[in-house]
Structures are given as C-alpha cells and as structure tokens.
C-alpha atoms as a PDB file:
ATOM      1  CA  MET A   1      13.106   2.065  -5.574  1.00  0.00           C
ATOM      2  CA  LYS A   2      12.570  -0.672  -8.135  1.00  0.00           C
ATOM      3  CA  GLN A   3       9.851  -2.337  -6.028  1.00  0.00           C
ATOM      4  CA  HIS A   4       8.251   1.017  -5.252  1.00  0.00           C
ATOM      5  CA  LYS A   5       8.065   1.786  -9.000  1.00  0.00           C
ATOM      6  CA  ARG A   6       6.383  -1.575  -9.579  1.00  0.00           C
ATOM      7  CA  ASP A   7       3.911  -1.018  -6.711  1.00  0.00           C
ATOM      8  CA  VAL A   8       2.941   2.437  -7.979  1.00  0.00           C
ATOM      9  CA  PHE A   9       2.515   1.135 -11.539  1.00  0.00           C
ATOM     10  CA  CYS A  10       0.346  -1.757 -10.340  1.00  0.00           C
ATOM     11  CA  LEU A  11      -1.757   0.602  -8.212  1.00  0.00           C
ATOM     12  CA  SER A  12      -2.226   2.987 -11.134  1.00  0.00           C
ATOM     13  CA  LEU A  13      -3.452   0.180 -13.404  1.00  0.00           C
ATOM     14  CA  ILE A  14      -5.889  -1.300 -10.889  1.00  0.00           C
ATOM     15  CA  SER A  15      -7.286   2.002  -9.621  1.00  0.00           C
ATOM     16  CA  SER A  16      -7.690   3.539 -13.070  1.00  0.00           C
ATOM     17  CA  LEU A  17      -9.400   0.364 -14.295  1.00  0.00           C
ATOM     18  CA  GLN A  18     -11.729   0.551 -11.300  1.00  0.00           C
ATOM     19  CA  GLN A  19     -12.565   4.233 -11.898  1.00  0.00           C
ATOM     20  CA  PHE A  20     -13.203   3.804 -15.628  1.00  0.00           C
ATOM     21  CA  ARG A  21     -15.295   0.656 -15.303  1.00  0.00           C
ATOM     22  CA  LYS A  22     -17.315   2.280 -12.503  1.00  0.00           C
ATOM     23  CA  ARG A  23     -18.279   4.875 -15.114  1.00  0.00           C
ATOM     24  CA  GLU A  24     -18.894   2.169 -17.758  1.00  0.00           C
ATOM     25  CA  LYS A  25     -15.953   3.325 -19.879  1.00  0.00           C
ATOM     26  CA  GLY A  26     -13.263   1.363 -21.630  1.00  0.00           C
ATOM     27  CA  ILE A  27      -9.618   2.041 -20.952  1.00  0.00           C
ATOM     28  CA  ARG A  28      -6.410   2.312 -22.979  1.00  0.00           C
ATOM     29  CA  TRP A  29      -3.222   3.019 -21.100  1.00  0.00           C
ATOM     30  CA  VAL A  30      -0.471   5.033 -22.767  1.00  0.00           C
ATOM     31  CA  PHE A  31       2.760   5.792 -20.913  1.00  0.00           C
ATOM     32  CA  ASP A  32       6.011   7.546 -21.762  1.00  0.00           C
ATOM     33  CA  ASN A  33       8.789   5.077 -22.514  1.00  0.00           C
ATOM     34  CA  VAL A  34      11.542   5.114 -19.928  1.00  0.00           C
ATOM     35  CA  LYS A  35      14.184   3.414 -22.069  1.00  0.00           C
ATOM     36  CA  ASP A  36      15.992   5.114 -24.946  1.00  0.00           C
ATOM     37  CA  THR A  37      13.897   4.787 -28.121  1.00  0.00           C
ATOM     38  CA  THR A  38      16.298   6.349 -30.633  1.00  0.00           C
ATOM     39  CA  LYS A  39      16.903   2.975 -32.309  1.00  0.00           C
ATOM     40  CA  GLY A  40      13.214   2.099 -32.560  1.00  0.00           C
ATOM     41  CA  VAL A  41      10.312   1.051 -30.373  1.00  0.00           C
ATOM     42  CA  ARG A  42      11.310  -0.387 -27.007  1.00  0.00           C
ATOM     43  CA  THR A  43       9.149  -2.390 -24.658  1.00  0.00           C
ATOM     44  CA  GLU A  44       9.122  -1.821 -20.927  1.00  0.00           C
ATOM     45  CA  GLY A  45       9.365  -5.525 -20.099  1.00  0.00           C
ATOM     46  CA  TRP A  46       8.896  -5.064 -16.363  1.00  0.00           C
ATOM     47  CA  ALA A  47       5.583  -3.243 -16.986  1.00  0.00           C
ATOM     48  CA  GLU A  48       4.344  -5.907 -19.371  1.00  0.00           C
ATOM     49  CA  GLN A  49       5.142  -8.591 -16.784  1.00  0.00           C
ATOM     50  CA  ILE A  50       3.133  -6.723 -14.143  1.00  0.00           C
ATOM     51  CA  PHE A  51       0.167  -6.336 -16.482  1.00  0.00           C
ATOM     52  CA  LEU A  52       0.230  -9.997 -17.522  1.00  0.00           C
ATOM     53  CA  GLY A  53       0.418 -11.016 -13.859  1.00  0.00           C
ATOM     54  CA  LEU A  54      -2.527  -8.778 -12.943  1.00  0.00           C
ATOM     55  CA  GLN A  55      -4.676 -10.392 -15.619  1.00  0.00           C
ATOM     56  CA  HIS A  56      -4.651 -13.648 -13.643  1.00  0.00           C
ATOM     57  CA  LEU A  57      -6.030 -12.067 -10.466  1.00  0.00           C
ATOM     58  CA  PRO A  58      -9.756 -12.429  -9.700  1.00  0.00           C
ATOM     59  CA  LEU A  59      -9.790  -8.685  -8.838  1.00  0.00           C
ATOM     60  CA  PHE A  60      -8.679  -7.802 -12.375  1.00  0.00           C
ATOM     61  CA  THR A  61     -11.347 -10.056 -13.878  1.00  0.00           C
ATOM     62  CA  TYR A  62     -13.990  -8.492 -11.634  1.00  0.00           C
ATOM     63  CA  LEU A  63     -12.923  -4.912 -12.410  1.00  0.00           C
ATOM     64  CA  SER A  64     -12.750  -5.473 -16.155  1.00  0.00           C
ATOM     65  CA  ALA A  65     -16.349  -6.778 -16.016  1.00  0.00           C
ATOM     66  CA  GLY A  66     -15.845  -8.950 -19.074  1.00  0.00           C
ATOM     67  CA  SER A  67     -14.564  -6.132 -21.277  1.00  0.00           C
ATOM     68  CA  THR A  68     -11.389  -6.438 -23.310  1.00  0.00           C
ATOM     69  CA  VAL A  69      -8.473  -4.725 -21.613  1.00  0.00           C
ATOM     70  CA  VAL A  70      -5.357  -4.413 -23.763  1.00  0.00           C
ATOM     71  CA  LYS A  71      -1.866  -4.148 -22.337  1.00  0.00           C
ATOM     72  CA  PRO A  72      -0.385  -0.700 -21.724  1.00  0.00           C
ATOM     73  CA  LYS A  73       1.344   0.984 -24.641  1.00  0.00           C
ATOM     74  CA  PHE A  74       4.663   2.750 -24.180  1.00  0.00           C
ATOM     75  CA  VAL A  75       5.507   5.567 -26.572  1.00  0.00           C
ATOM     76  CA  LYS A  76       8.433   7.897 -27.147  1.00  0.00           C
ATOM     77  CA  PRO A  77       8.190  10.866 -24.734  1.00  0.00           C
ATOM     78  CA  GLY A  78       6.621  13.908 -26.362  1.00  0.00           C
ATOM     79  CA  THR A  79       4.704  11.963 -29.013  1.00  0.00           C
ATOM     80  CA  HIS A  80       1.252  11.839 -27.401  1.00  0.00           C
ATOM     81  CA  TYR A  81      -0.524  15.092 -26.554  1.00  0.00           C
ATOM     82  CA  LEU A  82      -2.358  13.616 -23.541  1.00  0.00           C
ATOM     83  CA  LEU A  83       0.966  12.659 -21.974  1.00  0.00           C
ATOM     84  CA  GLU A  84       2.097  16.269 -22.328  1.00  0.00           C
ATOM     85  CA  ILE A  85      -1.056  17.377 -20.502  1.00  0.00           C
ATOM     86  CA  ALA A  86      -0.405  14.732 -17.824  1.00  0.00           C
ATOM     87  CA  ASP A  87       3.143  16.092 -17.393  1.00  0.00           C
ATOM     88  CA  PHE A  88       1.763  19.602 -16.890  1.00  0.00           C
ATOM     89  CA  VAL A  89      -0.816  18.410 -14.355  1.00  0.00           C
ATOM     90  CA  SER A  90       1.887  16.436 -12.520  1.00  0.00           C
ATOM     91  CA  TYR A  91       4.089  19.519 -12.400  1.00  0.00           C
ATOM     92  CA  CYS A  92       1.280  21.646 -10.929  1.00  0.00           C
ATOM     93  CA  VAL A  93       0.399  19.012  -8.338  1.00  0.00           C
ATOM     94  CA  GLY A  94       4.045  18.506  -7.381  1.00  0.00           C
ATOM     95  CA  ARG A  95       4.492  22.248  -7.079  1.00  0.00           C
ATOM     96  CA  ASP A  96       1.411  22.486  -4.813  1.00  0.00           C
ATOM     97  CA  TYR A  97       2.897  19.847  -2.549  1.00  0.00           C
ATOM     98  CA  GLU A  98       6.299  21.528  -2.475  1.00  0.00           C
ATOM     99  CA  LYS A  99       4.769  24.931  -1.705  1.00  0.00           C
ATOM    100  CA  SER A 100       2.663  23.446   1.098  1.00  0.00           C
ATOM    101  CA  GLU A 101       5.841  22.032   2.668  1.00  0.00           C
ATOM    102  CA  LEU A 102       7.400  25.510   2.510  1.00  0.00           C
ATOM    103  CA  SER A 103       4.169  27.146   3.781  1.00  0.00           C
ATOM    104  CA  GLU A 104       4.041  29.199   0.575  1.00  0.00           C
ATOM    105  CA  LYS A 105       1.319  29.807  -1.985  1.00  0.00           C
ATOM    106  CA  SER A 106       1.534  28.215  -5.433  1.00  0.00           C
ATOM    107  CA  GLY A 107       1.608  30.545  -8.446  1.00  0.00           C
ATOM    108  CA  PHE A 108      -0.626  28.201 -10.448  1.00  0.00           C
ATOM    109  CA  PRO A 109      -2.574  26.000  -8.019  1.00  0.00           C
ATOM    110  CA  SER A 110      -3.796  22.597  -9.156  1.00  0.00           C
ATOM    111  CA  SER A 111      -7.347  23.660  -8.241  1.00  0.00           C
ATOM    112  CA  ARG A 112      -7.352  25.663 -11.508  1.00  0.00           C
ATOM    113  CA  LEU A 113      -7.145  22.380 -13.417  1.00  0.00           C
ATOM    114  CA  GLY A 114     -10.625  21.262 -12.365  1.00  0.00           C
ATOM    115  CA  LYS A 115     -11.607  18.016 -10.727  1.00  0.00           C
ATOM    116  CA  ASN A 116      -8.971  15.287 -10.904  1.00  0.00           C
ATOM    117  CA  PHE A 117      -8.388  11.829  -9.476  1.00  0.00           C
ATOM    118  CA  TYR A 118      -5.613  11.719  -6.889  1.00  0.00           C
ATOM    119  CA  GLN A 119      -4.149   8.524  -5.466  1.00  0.00           C
ATOM    120  CA  PHE A 120      -1.349   8.408  -2.957  1.00  0.00           C
ATOM    121  CA  PHE A 121       0.527   6.303  -0.454  1.00  0.00           C
ATOM    122  CA  LEU A 122       0.226   7.461   3.139  1.00  0.00           C
ATOM    123  CA  TYR A 123       3.094   7.458   5.628  1.00  0.00           C
ATOM    124  CA  ASP A 124       1.923   4.156   7.129  1.00  0.00           C
ATOM    125  CA  GLY A 125       2.105   2.488   3.689  1.00  0.00           C
ATOM    126  CA  SER A 126      -1.646   2.368   3.103  1.00  0.00           C
ATOM    127  CA  VAL A 127      -3.243   3.809  -0.014  1.00  0.00           C
ATOM    128  CA  ASP A 128      -5.843   6.555  -0.240  1.00  0.00           C
ATOM    129  CA  TYR A 129      -7.561   8.262  -3.167  1.00  0.00           C
ATOM    130  CA  LYS A 130      -9.939  11.129  -3.790  1.00  0.00           C
ATOM    131  CA  TRP A 131     -11.656  12.956  -6.637  1.00  0.00           C
ATOM    132  CA  SER A 132     -10.907  16.584  -5.846  1.00  0.00           C
ATOM    133  CA  ARG A 133     -10.647  20.066  -7.289  1.00  0.00           C
ATOM    134  CA  GLY A 134      -6.983  20.584  -6.495  1.00  0.00           C
ATOM    135  CA  LEU A 135      -4.551  18.460  -4.515  1.00  0.00           C
ATOM    136  CA  PRO A 136      -6.289  17.289  -1.301  1.00  0.00           C
ATOM    137  CA  ILE A 137      -3.208  18.213   0.728  1.00  0.00           C
ATOM    138  CA  SER A 138      -4.690  17.396   4.145  1.00  0.00           C
ATOM    139  CA  ARG A 139      -5.444  13.831   2.970  1.00  0.00           C
ATOM    140  CA  VAL A 140      -2.068  13.453   1.300  1.00  0.00           C
ATOM    141  CA  LYS A 141      -0.325  14.525   4.481  1.00  0.00           C
ATOM    142  CA  ASN A 142      -2.756  12.335   6.451  1.00  0.00           C
ATOM    143  CA  LEU A 143      -4.024  15.294   8.485  1.00  0.00           C
ATOM    144  CA  LYS A 144      -7.729  14.380   8.168  1.00  0.00           C
END
C-alpha cells in the first residue's frame, strides 16, 4: 500500500504538471495533510522526497518548460475550499464506480459536475487518462 500511495502521488504530480503546462498555466499543488496537525504544521516528508526526486528527472524539466514549480503544500484538512470541492468530486466519482459495479444508477452522477480530468491504473498496471464529462467507466474498467 505504501508503494502504491507513492506511485499514485507521483503520477498525479507528473500528469497534472503535463496538463497545466499544455495549457500554458502555472501550477500550485495543495493537498490535505495526512498526519495529525493539532500541534502545528506538519510536513509529509515522503511526499517532499518524491517531489525533490522528480525535479531531477529530464521529464520533469521538459514538462515544467522552464517555469518555476514549487513543492506541494500540505494543509490541515478542511482549511482550503478547493480541497472541499475535490472531496465532493471524489465522492461522486467513487459513488459512480460503486453503482456501476452494482449495476445501479447513481443519485448524483459525476456527469453533472462538467468536464473533468480522470486518470487511473488499469488492471494490467498501465495508466490511462481522459478528459470526460462524467467518469469514463468503460475506460476505467478497460472495456474499450
């Protein structure tokens, strides 16, 4: 699980950097802190190590296209409104997937959220992505 978490985090950084730079936009990553922050700001050391390691890859240099890319910021859960929106979107997408497994219809389908960027690991371990209005369930389940 630990390695899977690292792989997903790395994929999210690289793919989001690619998508933003493709649109000539800068990027600032903000994530919910996983560790307890009641005694002050905590750093997700594992995430910082991944980011610092990525910076040395030619792919990262190419994708950043010479722009400044600052390390991800981790904040106390519930303190950034965009993270609350991301939680809601994640819930809707997860619910769509669950309902598709049960052959049921979702009460609030992710298609109502507009066009979003979906990235996912396929059963064979490869990665796929798609801009889509709603969860592209046939691609996620590799049904093409």
